[in-house]
Protein backbone atom coordinates (compact mmCIF):
# COMPACT_ATOMS: atom_id res chain seq x y z
CA UNK A 1 156.94 49.72 149.25
CA UNK A 2 160.47 49.39 148.97
CA UNK A 3 162.70 49.47 152.11
CA UNK A 4 166.13 50.22 151.82
CA UNK A 5 167.28 50.21 156.07
CA UNK A 6 170.37 52.05 157.53
CA UNK A 7 172.86 51.06 160.06
CA UNK A 8 172.61 47.69 161.30
CA UNK A 9 168.62 47.57 160.63
CA UNK A 10 166.09 44.96 159.63
CA UNK A 11 162.86 45.72 158.33
CA UNK A 12 160.41 42.43 159.01
CA UNK A 13 156.98 41.81 158.57
CA UNK A 14 155.08 40.02 160.39
CA UNK A 15 154.11 36.19 159.70
CA UNK A 16 150.44 34.97 159.97
CA UNK A 17 150.63 32.08 162.60
CA UNK A 18 148.55 28.63 160.89
CA UNK A 19 145.10 27.81 162.20
CA UNK A 20 145.52 24.05 161.23
CA UNK A 21 148.21 21.50 161.69
CA UNK A 22 149.58 19.62 158.89
CA UNK A 23 147.47 16.57 160.80
CA UNK A 24 144.36 18.41 160.57
CA UNK A 25 144.27 19.81 164.03
CA UNK A 26 142.50 22.98 164.58
CA UNK A 27 145.25 25.21 166.91
CA UNK A 28 143.94 27.60 169.94
CA UNK A 29 145.42 30.70 170.34
CA UNK A 30 147.43 29.78 172.69
CA UNK A 31 149.58 27.89 170.19
CA UNK A 32 149.70 30.82 167.90
CA UNK A 33 152.99 31.93 165.88
CA UNK A 34 152.15 35.38 165.14
CA UNK A 35 155.49 36.54 167.21
CA UNK A 36 157.53 35.51 164.36
CA UNK A 37 158.24 37.86 161.35
CA UNK A 38 160.07 37.72 158.06
CA UNK A 39 163.04 39.78 156.67
CA UNK A 40 161.89 42.77 153.92
CA UNK A 41 165.14 44.42 153.51
CA UNK A 42 168.35 44.01 155.34
CA UNK A 43 171.77 46.62 155.52
CA UNK A 44 174.09 45.33 154.26
CA UNK A 45 176.23 45.71 157.53
CA UNK A 46 173.62 42.54 158.68
CA UNK A 47 175.61 39.37 157.39
CA UNK A 48 173.68 36.87 159.69
CA UNK A 49 170.81 36.96 157.96
CA UNK A 50 168.68 37.18 154.41
CA UNK A 51 165.70 38.09 152.90
CA UNK A 52 162.91 35.42 153.39
CA UNK A 53 163.96 34.25 156.21
CA UNK A 54 161.89 33.95 159.16
CA UNK A 55 162.95 35.34 162.67
CA UNK A 56 162.31 35.39 165.71
CA UNK A 57 162.24 39.10 167.28
CA UNK A 58 162.21 41.31 170.31
CA UNK A 59 158.62 43.05 169.25
CA UNK A 60 159.23 45.66 171.96
CA UNK A 61 162.95 47.17 170.39
CA UNK A 62 160.54 47.03 167.02
CA UNK A 63 159.79 50.29 165.57
CA UNK A 64 156.46 50.20 163.50
CA UNK A 65 156.51 51.40 159.96
CA UNK A 66 153.24 50.61 159.20
CA UNK A 67 150.50 48.04 160.30
CA UNK A 68 152.83 45.00 159.45
CA UNK A 69 156.23 46.41 158.45
CA UNK A 70 158.48 46.81 161.24
CA UNK A 71 162.22 48.27 161.47
CA UNK A 72 164.26 46.02 164.08
CA UNK A 73 167.98 46.43 164.83
CA UNK A 74 170.41 43.73 164.86
CA UNK A 75 171.14 43.39 168.13
CA UNK A 76 167.51 42.95 168.67
CA UNK A 77 167.33 39.53 166.37
CA UNK A 78 166.53 36.59 169.07
CA UNK A 79 166.46 33.88 166.73
CA UNK A 80 166.27 31.91 163.58
CA UNK A 81 163.46 29.93 162.42
CA UNK A 82 163.84 26.59 160.93
């Protein structure tokens, strides 16, 4: 599905959290990274992020498109994740 956001909206998809660390330690639910998302599409007015970047957003302000895709206003982006 192709998305074309308008105004200052960004379309993101949830990123599944890792279940095992690089050292082989199994992570518990308390260290879940499911609050992260990946940028799928963005409006031309949003210049500070790029498609493919990982973000932290205010999930309470996200508009659900389908099971994994959400629309978020740029003002509800909290941080980029490195």
